[in-house]
Amino acid sequence: MAEENKKKGNQINIELTEEISEGTYSNLAIISHSNSEFVLDFVRIVPNVQKAKVKSRIILSPEHAKRLHKALADNINKYEAQNGKIRESSQPPFPPMNFTPTAKA
């Protein structure tokens, strides 16, 4: 068995279903933690709607949360090297709740 893993290079096949591959849009993340886990709630805030819904919840061990932090930082650095610095708004870190459409149908 160990010899078989060496030949395969300890590869893992990861399946991505069609439904999951479409992704879930989120414009707000809420992060909380305890001594044993980090909880990431991804929320979608919709204009002119007073109630926002959590669209996805991911629960991570502290070790995996730290790996995610490093992976995000690495990917942001690579993105900015290719596309320029990501501009950060001076506005609050969440979308406005009262924005209205500017186009007319």
N, C-alpha and C. Protein backbone atom coordinates (compact mmCIF):
# COMPACT_ATOMS: atom_id res chain seq x y z
N MET A 1 0.83 -1.20 0.00
CA MET A 1 0.00 0.00 0.00
C MET A 1 0.87 1.25 0.00
N ALA A 2 1.87 1.32 0.87
CA ALA A 2 2.76 2.48 0.92
C ALA A 2 3.48 2.66 -0.41
N GLU A 3 3.87 1.53 -1.02
CA GLU A 3 4.55 1.59 -2.31
C GLU A 3 3.62 2.15 -3.39
N GLU A 4 2.34 1.77 -3.33
CA GLU A 4 1.35 2.27 -4.28
C GLU A 4 1.18 3.79 -4.14
N ASN A 5 1.16 4.32 -2.90
CA ASN A 5 1.05 5.76 -2.67
C ASN A 5 2.26 6.50 -3.20
N LYS A 6 3.46 5.90 -3.07
CA LYS A 6 4.67 6.55 -3.59
C LYS A 6 4.60 6.69 -5.10
N LYS A 7 4.08 5.65 -5.77
CA LYS A 7 3.97 5.69 -7.23
C LYS A 7 3.00 6.77 -7.68
N LYS A 8 1.91 6.94 -6.94
CA LYS A 8 0.90 7.92 -7.29
C LYS A 8 1.25 9.31 -6.78
N GLY A 9 2.29 9.44 -5.95
CA GLY A 9 2.67 10.74 -5.42
C GLY A 9 1.70 11.30 -4.42
N ASN A 10 0.96 10.42 -3.74
CA ASN A 10 -0.04 10.85 -2.74
C ASN A 10 -1.02 11.86 -3.32
N GLN A 11 -1.45 11.66 -4.54
CA GLN A 11 -2.41 12.56 -5.17
C GLN A 11 -3.82 12.28 -4.67
N ILE A 12 -4.61 13.32 -4.64
CA ILE A 12 -6.01 13.20 -4.25
C ILE A 12 -6.85 13.66 -5.43
N ASN A 13 -7.83 12.86 -5.79
CA ASN A 13 -8.78 13.27 -6.82
C ASN A 13 -9.85 14.12 -6.15
N ILE A 14 -10.04 15.31 -6.65
CA ILE A 14 -11.04 16.22 -6.10
C ILE A 14 -12.14 16.39 -7.12
N GLU A 15 -13.36 16.10 -6.70
CA GLU A 15 -14.51 16.20 -7.60
C GLU A 15 -15.20 17.54 -7.38
N LEU A 16 -15.51 18.20 -8.47
CA LEU A 16 -16.24 19.47 -8.43
C LEU A 16 -17.54 19.27 -9.20
N THR A 17 -18.66 19.24 -8.47
CA THR A 17 -19.94 19.04 -9.14
C THR A 17 -20.32 20.28 -9.93
N GLU A 18 -21.22 20.12 -10.86
CA GLU A 18 -21.66 21.26 -11.68
C GLU A 18 -22.30 22.33 -10.81
N GLU A 19 -23.10 21.92 -9.84
CA GLU A 19 -23.78 22.88 -8.96
C GLU A 19 -22.77 23.70 -8.17
N ILE A 20 -21.77 23.05 -7.59
CA ILE A 20 -20.76 23.75 -6.80
C ILE A 20 -19.86 24.60 -7.69
N SER A 21 -19.61 24.15 -8.92
CA SER A 21 -18.72 24.90 -9.82
C SER A 21 -19.28 26.26 -10.19
N GLU A 22 -20.59 26.45 -10.05
CA GLU A 22 -21.20 27.75 -10.35
C GLU A 22 -20.84 28.79 -9.30
N GLY A 23 -20.45 28.35 -8.11
CA GLY A 23 -20.05 29.27 -7.06
C GLY A 23 -21.23 29.94 -6.39
N THR A 24 -20.93 30.66 -5.32
CA THR A 24 -21.93 31.41 -4.59
C THR A 24 -21.39 32.81 -4.36
N TYR A 25 -22.11 33.81 -4.80
CA TYR A 25 -21.66 35.19 -4.63
C TYR A 25 -21.88 35.64 -3.20
N SER A 26 -20.88 36.32 -2.65
CA SER A 26 -20.96 36.89 -1.31
C SER A 26 -20.32 38.26 -1.34
N ASN A 27 -20.95 39.23 -0.67
CA ASN A 27 -20.34 40.56 -0.59
C ASN A 27 -20.08 40.97 0.86
N LEU A 28 -20.14 39.99 1.76
CA LEU A 28 -19.81 40.23 3.17
C LEU A 28 -19.40 38.91 3.79
N ALA A 29 -18.31 38.92 4.55
CA ALA A 29 -17.89 37.73 5.29
C ALA A 29 -17.83 38.09 6.77
N ILE A 30 -18.37 37.22 7.58
CA ILE A 30 -18.33 37.39 9.03
C ILE A 30 -17.50 36.24 9.58
N ILE A 31 -16.46 36.57 10.33
CA ILE A 31 -15.55 35.56 10.85
C ILE A 31 -15.61 35.57 12.37
N SER A 32 -15.82 34.40 12.95
CA SER A 32 -15.79 34.26 14.40
C SER A 32 -14.95 33.03 14.73
N HIS A 33 -14.57 32.91 15.99
CA HIS A 33 -13.74 31.77 16.37
C HIS A 33 -13.94 31.39 17.83
N SER A 34 -13.58 30.16 18.11
CA SER A 34 -13.50 29.66 19.48
C SER A 34 -12.08 29.12 19.63
N ASN A 35 -11.81 28.46 20.73
CA ASN A 35 -10.45 27.93 20.90
C ASN A 35 -10.19 26.74 19.99
N SER A 36 -11.22 26.18 19.37
CA SER A 36 -11.01 24.98 18.56
C SER A 36 -11.41 25.12 17.09
N GLU A 37 -12.03 26.25 16.71
CA GLU A 37 -12.46 26.38 15.32
C GLU A 37 -12.67 27.84 14.91
N PHE A 38 -12.57 28.06 13.61
CA PHE A 38 -12.91 29.33 12.99
C PHE A 38 -14.17 29.10 12.16
N VAL A 39 -15.11 30.03 12.23
CA VAL A 39 -16.34 29.92 11.46
C VAL A 39 -16.40 31.12 10.51
N LEU A 40 -16.50 30.83 9.23
CA LEU A 40 -16.60 31.86 8.20
C LEU A 40 -18.00 31.80 7.61
N ASP A 41 -18.78 32.85 7.83
CA ASP A 41 -20.11 32.96 7.24
C ASP A 41 -20.03 33.92 6.07
N PHE A 42 -20.44 33.45 4.90
CA PHE A 42 -20.45 34.28 3.70
C PHE A 42 -21.88 34.71 3.44
N VAL A 43 -22.08 36.03 3.38
CA VAL A 43 -23.42 36.62 3.34
C VAL A 43 -23.58 37.37 2.03
N ARG A 44 -24.81 37.39 1.53
CA ARG A 44 -25.13 38.22 0.36
C ARG A 44 -26.11 39.28 0.81
N ILE A 45 -25.70 40.54 0.70
CA ILE A 45 -26.57 41.67 1.00
C ILE A 45 -27.17 42.15 -0.32
N VAL A 46 -28.49 42.28 -0.36
CA VAL A 46 -29.19 42.68 -1.57
C VAL A 46 -29.76 44.08 -1.36
N PRO A 47 -29.68 44.94 -2.37
CA PRO A 47 -30.19 46.30 -2.24
C PRO A 47 -31.66 46.34 -1.85
N ASN A 48 -31.98 47.28 -0.98
CA ASN A 48 -33.35 47.54 -0.56
C ASN A 48 -34.04 46.36 0.13
N VAL A 49 -33.26 45.44 0.65
CA VAL A 49 -33.80 44.31 1.41
C VAL A 49 -33.19 44.39 2.80
N GLN A 50 -34.02 44.41 3.81
CA GLN A 50 -33.55 44.60 5.18
C GLN A 50 -32.93 43.35 5.79
N LYS A 51 -33.15 42.21 5.18
CA LYS A 51 -32.67 40.95 5.74
C LYS A 51 -31.62 40.34 4.81
N ALA A 52 -30.44 40.07 5.35
CA ALA A 52 -29.38 39.43 4.57
C ALA A 52 -29.32 37.96 4.94
N LYS A 53 -28.93 37.13 3.98
CA LYS A 53 -28.88 35.69 4.22
C LYS A 53 -27.45 35.18 4.17
N VAL A 54 -27.14 34.28 5.10
CA VAL A 54 -25.87 33.55 5.03
C VAL A 54 -26.02 32.55 3.90
N LYS A 55 -25.16 32.64 2.91
CA LYS A 55 -25.24 31.76 1.75
C LYS A 55 -24.37 30.53 1.90
N SER A 56 -23.33 30.64 2.76
CA SER A 56 -22.44 29.51 2.96
C SER A 56 -21.72 29.68 4.30
N ARG A 57 -21.50 28.58 4.98
CA ARG A 57 -20.74 28.59 6.24
C ARG A 57 -19.63 27.56 6.12
N ILE A 58 -18.41 28.00 6.41
CA ILE A 58 -17.25 27.12 6.38
C ILE A 58 -16.66 27.09 7.79
N ILE A 59 -16.42 25.90 8.31
CA ILE A 59 -15.84 25.74 9.64
C ILE A 59 -14.46 25.12 9.48
N LEU A 60 -13.46 25.79 10.05
CA LEU A 60 -12.07 25.36 9.89
C LEU A 60 -11.40 25.18 11.24
N SER A 61 -10.44 24.28 11.30
CA SER A 61 -9.59 24.19 12.48
C SER A 61 -8.66 25.41 12.47
N PRO A 62 -8.10 25.81 13.61
CA PRO A 62 -7.16 26.94 13.61
C PRO A 62 -5.99 26.74 12.64
N GLU A 63 -5.50 25.51 12.56
CA GLU A 63 -4.38 25.23 11.65
C GLU A 63 -4.78 25.46 10.20
N HIS A 64 -5.96 25.00 9.82
CA HIS A 64 -6.42 25.21 8.45
C HIS A 64 -6.75 26.68 8.19
N ALA A 65 -7.25 27.39 9.19
CA ALA A 65 -7.51 28.82 9.03
C ALA A 65 -6.21 29.56 8.74
N LYS A 66 -5.14 29.18 9.42
CA LYS A 66 -3.84 29.82 9.19
C LYS A 66 -3.33 29.50 7.78
N ARG A 67 -3.54 28.26 7.33
CA ARG A 67 -3.15 27.90 5.96
C ARG A 67 -3.95 28.70 4.94
N LEU A 68 -5.24 28.88 5.19
CA LEU A 68 -6.08 29.68 4.30
C LEU A 68 -5.58 31.12 4.25
N HIS A 69 -5.25 31.67 5.41
CA HIS A 69 -4.72 33.04 5.49
C HIS A 69 -3.47 33.18 4.63
N LYS A 70 -2.55 32.24 4.75
CA LYS A 70 -1.31 32.28 3.95
C LYS A 70 -1.59 32.12 2.47
N ALA A 71 -2.52 31.21 2.12
CA ALA A 71 -2.85 30.99 0.72
C ALA A 71 -3.52 32.21 0.11
N LEU A 72 -4.41 32.87 0.86
CA LEU A 72 -5.04 34.10 0.36
C LEU A 72 -4.01 35.20 0.16
N ALA A 73 -3.13 35.38 1.14
CA ALA A 73 -2.09 36.41 1.02
C ALA A 73 -1.21 36.14 -0.20
N ASP A 74 -0.83 34.89 -0.42
CA ASP A 74 0.00 34.53 -1.57
C ASP A 74 -0.74 34.82 -2.87
N ASN A 75 -2.00 34.46 -2.94
CA ASN A 75 -2.77 34.69 -4.16
C ASN A 75 -3.04 36.17 -4.41
N ILE A 76 -3.26 36.94 -3.37
CA ILE A 76 -3.43 38.39 -3.53
C ILE A 76 -2.15 39.02 -4.05
N ASN A 77 -1.01 38.60 -3.51
CA ASN A 77 0.28 39.10 -4.01
C ASN A 77 0.48 38.77 -5.48
N LYS A 78 0.15 37.55 -5.89
CA LYS A 78 0.28 37.15 -7.29
C LYS A 78 -0.68 37.96 -8.17
N TYR A 79 -1.91 38.15 -7.71
CA TYR A 79 -2.90 38.92 -8.45
C TYR A 79 -2.39 40.34 -8.67
N GLU A 80 -1.91 40.98 -7.59
CA GLU A 80 -1.45 42.36 -7.69
C GLU A 80 -0.20 42.48 -8.56
N ALA A 81 0.63 41.47 -8.57
CA ALA A 81 1.80 41.49 -9.45
C ALA A 81 1.39 41.48 -10.92
N GLN A 82 0.30 40.79 -11.24
CA GLN A 82 -0.19 40.72 -12.62
C GLN A 82 -1.11 41.86 -13.00
N ASN A 83 -1.93 42.33 -12.06
CA ASN A 83 -3.02 43.26 -12.39
C ASN A 83 -2.93 44.62 -11.72
N GLY A 84 -1.93 44.83 -10.90
CA GLY A 84 -1.83 46.09 -10.17
C GLY A 84 -2.48 45.99 -8.81
N LYS A 85 -2.17 46.96 -8.00
CA LYS A 85 -2.64 46.99 -6.61
C LYS A 85 -4.17 47.01 -6.56
N ILE A 86 -4.72 46.22 -5.65
CA ILE A 86 -6.17 46.23 -5.43
C ILE A 86 -6.50 47.48 -4.62
N ARG A 87 -7.36 48.29 -5.16
CA ARG A 87 -7.75 49.53 -4.50
C ARG A 87 -8.73 49.23 -3.37
N GLU A 88 -8.47 49.80 -2.22
CA GLU A 88 -9.37 49.63 -1.08
C GLU A 88 -10.15 50.91 -0.88
N SER A 89 -11.45 50.77 -0.73
CA SER A 89 -12.33 51.91 -0.54
C SER A 89 -12.19 52.48 0.86
N SER A 90 -12.42 53.77 0.98
CA SER A 90 -12.40 54.40 2.30
C SER A 90 -13.77 54.29 2.97
N GLN A 91 -14.74 53.71 2.25
CA GLN A 91 -16.08 53.53 2.79
C GLN A 91 -16.09 52.35 3.76
N PRO A 92 -17.18 52.20 4.51
CA PRO A 92 -17.29 51.05 5.42
C PRO A 92 -17.08 49.73 4.67
N PRO A 93 -16.60 48.70 5.34
CA PRO A 93 -16.26 47.44 4.67
C PRO A 93 -17.47 46.56 4.34
N PHE A 94 -18.61 47.18 4.08
CA PHE A 94 -19.77 46.41 3.65
C PHE A 94 -20.56 47.25 2.66
N PRO A 95 -21.31 46.60 1.76
CA PRO A 95 -22.06 47.36 0.75
C PRO A 95 -23.13 48.22 1.39
N PRO A 96 -23.44 49.38 0.80
CA PRO A 96 -24.51 50.22 1.34
C PRO A 96 -25.85 49.50 1.22
N MET A 97 -26.70 49.70 2.19
CA MET A 97 -27.99 49.03 2.19
C MET A 97 -29.04 49.79 1.38
N ASN A 98 -28.78 51.04 1.02
CA ASN A 98 -29.82 51.83 0.37
C ASN A 98 -29.44 52.26 -1.05
N PHE A 99 -28.55 51.52 -1.72
CA PHE A 99 -28.21 51.94 -3.07
C PHE A 99 -29.35 51.61 -4.01
N THR A 100 -29.53 52.47 -5.01
CA THR A 100 -30.66 52.31 -5.93
C THR A 100 -30.13 52.17 -7.35
N PRO A 101 -30.90 51.55 -8.22
CA PRO A 101 -30.44 51.40 -9.61
C PRO A 101 -30.35 52.76 -10.30
N THR A 102 -29.38 52.88 -11.21
CA THR A 102 -29.21 54.12 -11.95
C THR A 102 -29.75 54.02 -13.37
N ALA A 103 -29.98 52.80 -13.84
CA ALA A 103 -30.49 52.62 -15.19
C ALA A 103 -32.01 52.55 -15.18
N LYS A 104 -32.61 52.94 -16.32
CA LYS A 104 -34.06 52.85 -16.46
C LYS A 104 -34.38 51.83 -17.52
N ALA A 105 -35.44 51.07 -17.27
CA ALA A 105 -35.83 50.04 -18.23
C ALA A 105 -36.80 50.60 -19.25
